Amino acid sequence: RDTVMSPTHSDSSVNTCALSLCSIMANVSIYDFTVETLQGCTVPLGNYRGKVLLIVNVATF
């Protein structure tokens, strides 16, 4: 889903795409995202504004 690039990547179109993504994401807050609970419900992270969040990325296949 995501593309991982090394800083020495020579394909300028990929680098341009990454820069475009960075400029888009610069205006996005963690509170703009939603997550799925273990029960399958969708919860906006904005519900937790003003609270301490611990976000753990657990990747499974």
N, C-alpha and C. Protein backbone atom coordinates (compact mmCIF):
# COMPACT_ATOMS: atom_id res chain seq x y z
N ARG A 1 0.82 -1.18 0.00
CA ARG A 1 0.00 0.00 0.00
C ARG A 1 0.87 1.24 0.00
N ASP A 2 1.85 1.33 0.87
CA ASP A 2 2.74 2.48 0.90
C ASP A 2 4.01 2.15 0.14
N THR A 3 4.65 3.16 -0.40
CA THR A 3 5.91 2.98 -1.10
C THR A 3 7.03 3.47 -0.22
N VAL A 4 8.04 2.63 -0.04
CA VAL A 4 9.21 3.01 0.74
C VAL A 4 10.31 3.36 -0.24
N MET A 5 10.91 4.52 -0.08
CA MET A 5 11.97 4.95 -0.98
C MET A 5 13.23 5.25 -0.18
N SER A 6 14.36 5.00 -0.81
CA SER A 6 15.61 5.41 -0.20
C SER A 6 15.91 6.83 -0.64
N PRO A 7 16.68 7.58 0.13
CA PRO A 7 16.98 8.96 -0.24
C PRO A 7 17.75 9.07 -1.54
N THR A 8 18.38 7.99 -1.98
CA THR A 8 19.19 8.05 -3.20
C THR A 8 18.41 7.56 -4.42
N HIS A 9 17.10 7.38 -4.29
CA HIS A 9 16.28 6.90 -5.40
C HIS A 9 16.39 7.88 -6.55
N SER A 10 16.64 7.39 -7.77
CA SER A 10 16.90 8.28 -8.90
C SER A 10 15.67 8.59 -9.74
N ASP A 11 14.55 7.93 -9.53
CA ASP A 11 13.35 8.17 -10.33
C ASP A 11 12.67 9.44 -9.85
N SER A 12 12.77 10.51 -10.63
CA SER A 12 12.23 11.80 -10.21
C SER A 12 10.72 11.80 -10.10
N SER A 13 10.03 10.95 -10.88
CA SER A 13 8.57 10.91 -10.79
C SER A 13 8.13 10.35 -9.44
N VAL A 14 8.86 9.39 -8.92
CA VAL A 14 8.54 8.84 -7.60
C VAL A 14 8.82 9.89 -6.53
N ASN A 15 9.94 10.60 -6.66
CA ASN A 15 10.28 11.64 -5.69
C ASN A 15 9.26 12.76 -5.72
N THR A 16 8.78 13.13 -6.91
CA THR A 16 7.76 14.17 -7.03
C THR A 16 6.47 13.72 -6.37
N CYS A 17 6.11 12.46 -6.56
CA CYS A 17 4.92 11.90 -5.92
C CYS A 17 5.06 11.96 -4.41
N ALA A 18 6.21 11.61 -3.90
CA ALA A 18 6.44 11.64 -2.45
C ALA A 18 6.34 13.06 -1.93
N LEU A 19 6.86 14.02 -2.67
CA LEU A 19 6.77 15.42 -2.24
C LEU A 19 5.33 15.90 -2.25
N SER A 20 4.56 15.48 -3.24
CA SER A 20 3.14 15.84 -3.30
C SER A 20 2.41 15.27 -2.10
N LEU A 21 2.70 14.02 -1.76
CA LEU A 21 2.07 13.38 -0.61
C LEU A 21 2.44 14.13 0.67
N CYS A 22 3.68 14.54 0.79
CA CYS A 22 4.12 15.28 1.97
C CYS A 22 3.36 16.59 2.09
N SER A 23 3.15 17.29 0.98
CA SER A 23 2.45 18.56 1.06
C SER A 23 0.99 18.36 1.42
N ILE A 24 0.39 17.28 0.96
CA ILE A 24 -1.00 16.97 1.31
C ILE A 24 -1.08 16.61 2.79
N MET A 25 -0.18 15.78 3.25
CA MET A 25 -0.21 15.30 4.62
C MET A 25 0.17 16.40 5.62
N ALA A 26 0.82 17.47 5.15
CA ALA A 26 1.20 18.56 6.06
C ALA A 26 -0.03 19.23 6.67
N ASN A 27 -1.16 19.13 6.00
CA ASN A 27 -2.39 19.75 6.48
C ASN A 27 -3.32 18.77 7.18
N VAL A 28 -2.80 17.58 7.50
CA VAL A 28 -3.62 16.54 8.12
C VAL A 28 -3.14 16.32 9.55
N SER A 29 -4.08 16.19 10.44
CA SER A 29 -3.79 15.94 11.85
C SER A 29 -4.11 14.48 12.17
N ILE A 30 -3.54 13.96 13.23
CA ILE A 30 -3.86 12.61 13.69
C ILE A 30 -5.36 12.51 13.99
N TYR A 31 -5.95 13.63 14.36
CA TYR A 31 -7.37 13.64 14.71
C TYR A 31 -8.28 13.56 13.48
N ASP A 32 -7.71 13.64 12.29
CA ASP A 32 -8.49 13.51 11.05
C ASP A 32 -8.68 12.04 10.64
N PHE A 33 -7.99 11.14 11.29
CA PHE A 33 -8.06 9.72 10.94
C PHE A 33 -9.12 8.99 11.76
N THR A 34 -9.59 7.89 11.21
CA THR A 34 -10.48 6.99 11.95
C THR A 34 -9.79 5.65 12.08
N VAL A 35 -10.14 4.90 13.09
CA VAL A 35 -9.58 3.58 13.32
C VAL A 35 -10.70 2.58 13.56
N GLU A 36 -10.38 1.33 13.36
CA GLU A 36 -11.36 0.27 13.60
C GLU A 36 -11.04 -0.40 14.94
N THR A 37 -12.05 -0.52 15.78
CA THR A 37 -11.87 -1.17 17.08
C THR A 37 -11.83 -2.68 16.90
N LEU A 38 -11.49 -3.39 17.96
CA LEU A 38 -11.48 -4.85 17.91
C LEU A 38 -12.88 -5.41 17.67
N GLN A 39 -13.90 -4.63 17.99
CA GLN A 39 -15.28 -5.06 17.77
C GLN A 39 -15.77 -4.72 16.36
N GLY A 40 -14.93 -4.06 15.56
CA GLY A 40 -15.27 -3.74 14.19
C GLY A 40 -15.94 -2.40 14.00
N CYS A 41 -16.04 -1.60 15.05
CA CYS A 41 -16.65 -0.27 14.95
C CYS A 41 -15.60 0.75 14.50
N THR A 42 -16.03 1.74 13.73
CA THR A 42 -15.14 2.81 13.30
C THR A 42 -15.24 3.97 14.29
N VAL A 43 -14.08 4.43 14.75
CA VAL A 43 -14.02 5.49 15.75
C VAL A 43 -13.09 6.60 15.24
N PRO A 44 -13.57 7.84 15.19
CA PRO A 44 -12.67 8.94 14.81
C PRO A 44 -11.70 9.26 15.95
N LEU A 45 -10.43 9.45 15.60
CA LEU A 45 -9.45 9.78 16.63
C LEU A 45 -9.71 11.16 17.21
N GLY A 46 -10.51 11.97 16.54
CA GLY A 46 -10.90 13.27 17.08
C GLY A 46 -11.63 13.14 18.40
N ASN A 47 -12.23 11.96 18.65
CA ASN A 47 -12.90 11.72 19.93
C ASN A 47 -11.92 11.79 21.10
N TYR A 48 -10.64 11.64 20.81
CA TYR A 48 -9.63 11.60 21.86
C TYR A 48 -8.80 12.88 21.93
N ARG A 49 -9.26 13.94 21.27
CA ARG A 49 -8.54 15.22 21.30
C ARG A 49 -8.39 15.68 22.75
N GLY A 50 -7.17 16.11 23.10
CA GLY A 50 -6.90 16.58 24.46
C GLY A 50 -6.48 15.48 25.40
N LYS A 51 -6.45 14.24 24.91
CA LYS A 51 -6.03 13.11 25.75
C LYS A 51 -4.72 12.55 25.21
N VAL A 52 -4.02 11.82 26.02
CA VAL A 52 -2.78 11.18 25.60
C VAL A 52 -3.12 9.92 24.82
N LEU A 53 -2.54 9.79 23.61
CA LEU A 53 -2.76 8.61 22.77
C LEU A 53 -1.48 7.80 22.66
N LEU A 54 -1.59 6.50 22.77
CA LEU A 54 -0.49 5.58 22.48
C LEU A 54 -0.94 4.80 21.25
N ILE A 55 -0.26 5.01 20.14
CA ILE A 55 -0.64 4.35 18.89
C ILE A 55 0.37 3.26 18.60
N VAL A 56 -0.09 2.04 18.48
CA VAL A 56 0.76 0.90 18.21
C VAL A 56 0.37 0.31 16.86
N ASN A 57 1.31 0.26 15.94
CA ASN A 57 1.06 -0.30 14.63
C ASN A 57 1.45 -1.78 14.64
N VAL A 58 0.46 -2.62 14.59
CA VAL A 58 0.69 -4.07 14.59
C VAL A 58 0.32 -4.58 13.20
N ALA A 59 1.31 -4.97 12.44
CA ALA A 59 1.07 -5.45 11.07
C ALA A 59 0.91 -6.97 11.08
N THR A 60 -0.13 -7.44 10.45
CA THR A 60 -0.32 -8.87 10.29
C THR A 60 -0.61 -9.16 8.83
N PHE A 61 -0.37 -10.38 8.44
CA PHE A 61 -0.64 -10.77 7.05
C PHE A 61 -1.70 -11.82 7.01
